Amino acid sequence: MPVTFRILPRRGVVYVRYEGLARLQDGMDAFRRYMAHPDCAPGQKHLVDLSPVTALEQDYARLMELQALKAEQFRPGDPTTLIAYIAPHAEAQKLAALASRSWAGFPQVVARTLAHEAEALALLGLAERSVSELLALS
């Protein structure tokens, strides 16, 4: 599956991983699964790993659909959601930029792009230095 997620409820973190060709439909499907998950909660921090991305699909109609879907989950008055994108190479950085722009209409969402796992984890206030360490301890 090109987009997977794992909610770490005790840590208040959602780990999302994109692989290969990043398709907006896959992102939408994963976001729907996240919204329906019993551990989904407002204000969770999101650690989005884009390092395995090899290419980005350009589908602006789907991007608008994704915006509408996000509006269902992120409402004014909700706690702030911090998103850290791990984007160590050009394709990942393109996807992170597109995703960050898509949050522009949501003041309660703060998205940042970082090149290294340790930086992204630190931004989210996590002590672990790697994603594998975070997942092993959670």
Protein backbone atom coordinates (compact mmCIF):
# COMPACT_ATOMS: atom_id res chain seq x y z
CA MET A 1 0.00 0.00 0.00
CA PRO A 2 1.58 3.34 -1.03
CA VAL A 3 0.27 5.26 2.02
CA THR A 4 0.14 3.74 5.47
CA PHE A 5 -0.37 5.19 8.93
CA ARG A 6 0.01 4.09 12.50
CA ILE A 7 -1.52 5.95 15.42
CA LEU A 8 0.54 5.95 18.61
CA PRO A 9 -2.24 7.03 21.01
CA ARG A 10 -0.13 7.12 24.18
CA ARG A 11 2.28 9.49 22.43
CA GLY A 12 -0.39 11.55 20.64
CA VAL A 13 1.39 10.92 17.34
CA VAL A 14 0.31 9.62 13.95
CA TYR A 15 3.08 8.19 11.78
CA VAL A 16 2.29 8.36 8.05
CA ARG A 17 4.48 6.84 5.34
CA TYR A 18 4.22 7.46 1.60
CA GLU A 19 6.07 5.09 -0.76
CA GLY A 20 6.79 5.08 -4.48
CA LEU A 21 4.46 7.16 -6.65
CA ALA A 22 2.56 9.55 -4.39
CA ARG A 23 -1.03 9.59 -5.64
CA LEU A 24 -3.61 11.92 -4.14
CA GLN A 25 -6.25 9.20 -4.23
CA ASP A 26 -4.05 7.03 -2.01
CA GLY A 27 -3.62 9.97 0.37
CA MET A 28 -7.38 10.53 0.44
CA ASP A 29 -8.05 6.85 1.13
CA ALA A 30 -5.52 6.82 3.98
CA PHE A 31 -6.98 10.03 5.43
CA ARG A 32 -10.48 8.51 5.39
CA ARG A 33 -9.15 5.41 7.21
CA TYR A 34 -7.46 7.69 9.74
CA MET A 35 -10.66 9.71 10.33
CA ALA A 36 -12.64 6.49 10.90
CA HIS A 37 -10.03 4.98 13.24
CA PRO A 38 -11.11 4.83 16.91
CA ASP A 39 -7.78 6.35 18.03
CA CYS A 40 -8.13 9.40 15.76
CA ALA A 41 -8.28 12.55 17.91
CA PRO A 42 -8.01 16.32 17.40
CA GLY A 43 -4.58 17.76 18.07
CA GLN A 44 -2.56 14.64 17.32
CA LYS A 45 0.91 15.37 15.99
CA HIS A 46 1.63 13.98 12.52
CA LEU A 47 5.01 12.63 11.46
CA VAL A 48 4.83 12.20 7.69
CA ASP A 49 7.70 10.22 6.16
CA LEU A 50 8.14 11.10 2.50
CA SER A 51 11.64 9.63 2.15
CA PRO A 52 10.47 6.58 0.13
CA VAL A 53 8.59 8.76 -2.42
CA THR A 54 9.91 8.35 -5.97
CA ALA A 55 7.44 10.51 -7.93
CA LEU A 56 4.45 12.78 -7.45
CA GLU A 57 1.16 12.58 -9.34
CA GLN A 58 -0.19 15.95 -10.45
CA ASP A 59 -3.99 15.87 -9.99
CA TYR A 60 -5.40 19.23 -8.93
CA ALA A 61 -9.04 18.08 -9.02
CA ARG A 62 -8.21 15.41 -6.42
CA LEU A 63 -6.34 18.01 -4.39
CA MET A 64 -9.58 20.00 -4.08
CA GLU A 65 -11.39 16.83 -2.97
CA LEU A 66 -8.71 16.26 -0.37
CA GLN A 67 -9.18 19.82 0.91
CA ALA A 68 -12.90 19.20 1.40
CA LEU A 69 -12.12 15.97 3.24
CA LYS A 70 -9.64 17.75 5.53
CA ALA A 71 -12.26 20.39 6.32
CA GLU A 72 -14.39 17.60 7.83
CA GLN A 73 -11.61 16.64 10.25
CA PHE A 74 -9.94 19.95 11.13
CA ARG A 75 -12.45 22.46 12.45
CA PRO A 76 -11.99 25.95 13.89
CA GLY A 77 -11.56 25.71 17.64
CA ASP A 78 -9.80 22.33 17.51
CA PRO A 79 -6.41 22.08 19.21
CA THR A 80 -3.41 22.89 17.04
CA THR A 81 -2.12 20.01 14.95
CA LEU A 82 1.60 20.01 14.25
CA ILE A 83 2.74 18.18 11.10
CA ALA A 84 6.39 17.36 10.43
CA TYR A 85 7.22 16.20 6.91
CA ILE A 86 10.44 14.22 6.52
CA ALA A 87 11.60 15.18 3.02
CA PRO A 88 15.28 14.37 2.38
CA HIS A 89 15.26 14.63 -1.44
CA ALA A 90 13.75 16.70 -4.28
CA GLU A 91 10.63 14.58 -4.98
CA ALA A 92 9.80 14.37 -1.28
CA GLN A 93 10.30 18.12 -0.95
CA LYS A 94 7.90 18.77 -3.85
CA LEU A 95 5.24 16.65 -2.17
CA ALA A 96 5.87 18.32 1.20
CA ALA A 97 5.51 21.77 -0.41
CA LEU A 98 2.23 20.76 -2.08
CA ALA A 99 0.91 19.28 1.16
CA SER A 100 1.99 22.31 3.20
CA ARG A 101 0.24 24.68 0.79
CA SER A 102 -2.91 22.60 1.09
CA TRP A 103 -3.05 23.44 4.81
CA ALA A 104 -3.02 27.21 4.15
CA GLY A 105 -6.75 27.57 4.94
CA PHE A 106 -6.46 25.78 8.27
CA PRO A 107 -5.00 28.09 10.96
CA GLN A 108 -5.08 25.27 13.52
CA VAL A 109 -2.63 23.19 11.43
CA VAL A 110 1.08 24.02 11.48
CA ALA A 111 3.15 22.13 8.90
CA ARG A 112 6.94 22.09 8.62
CA THR A 113 9.30 20.30 6.25
CA LEU A 114 12.57 18.87 7.51
CA ALA A 115 15.31 16.91 5.76
CA HIS A 116 16.19 14.55 8.61
CA GLU A 117 14.21 12.20 10.84
CA ALA A 118 15.85 13.45 14.03
CA GLU A 119 14.87 17.05 13.22
CA ALA A 120 11.25 16.07 12.54
CA LEU A 121 11.03 14.05 15.74
CA ALA A 122 12.52 16.91 17.76
CA LEU A 123 10.06 19.39 16.24
CA LEU A 124 7.23 17.17 17.50
CA GLY A 125 8.79 17.11 20.97
CA LEU A 126 9.85 13.46 20.75
CA ALA A 127 13.12 12.25 22.28
CA GLU A 128 13.73 9.46 19.76
CA ARG A 129 16.32 10.09 17.05
CA SER A 130 14.81 7.85 14.35
CA VAL A 131 11.42 6.65 13.14
CA SER A 132 12.42 3.03 13.75
CA GLU A 133 13.25 3.87 17.37
CA LEU A 134 9.89 5.66 17.81
CA LEU A 135 7.94 2.75 16.38
CA ALA A 136 9.86 0.17 18.40
CA LEU A 137 9.23 1.97 21.68
CA SER A 138 5.55 2.76 21.10
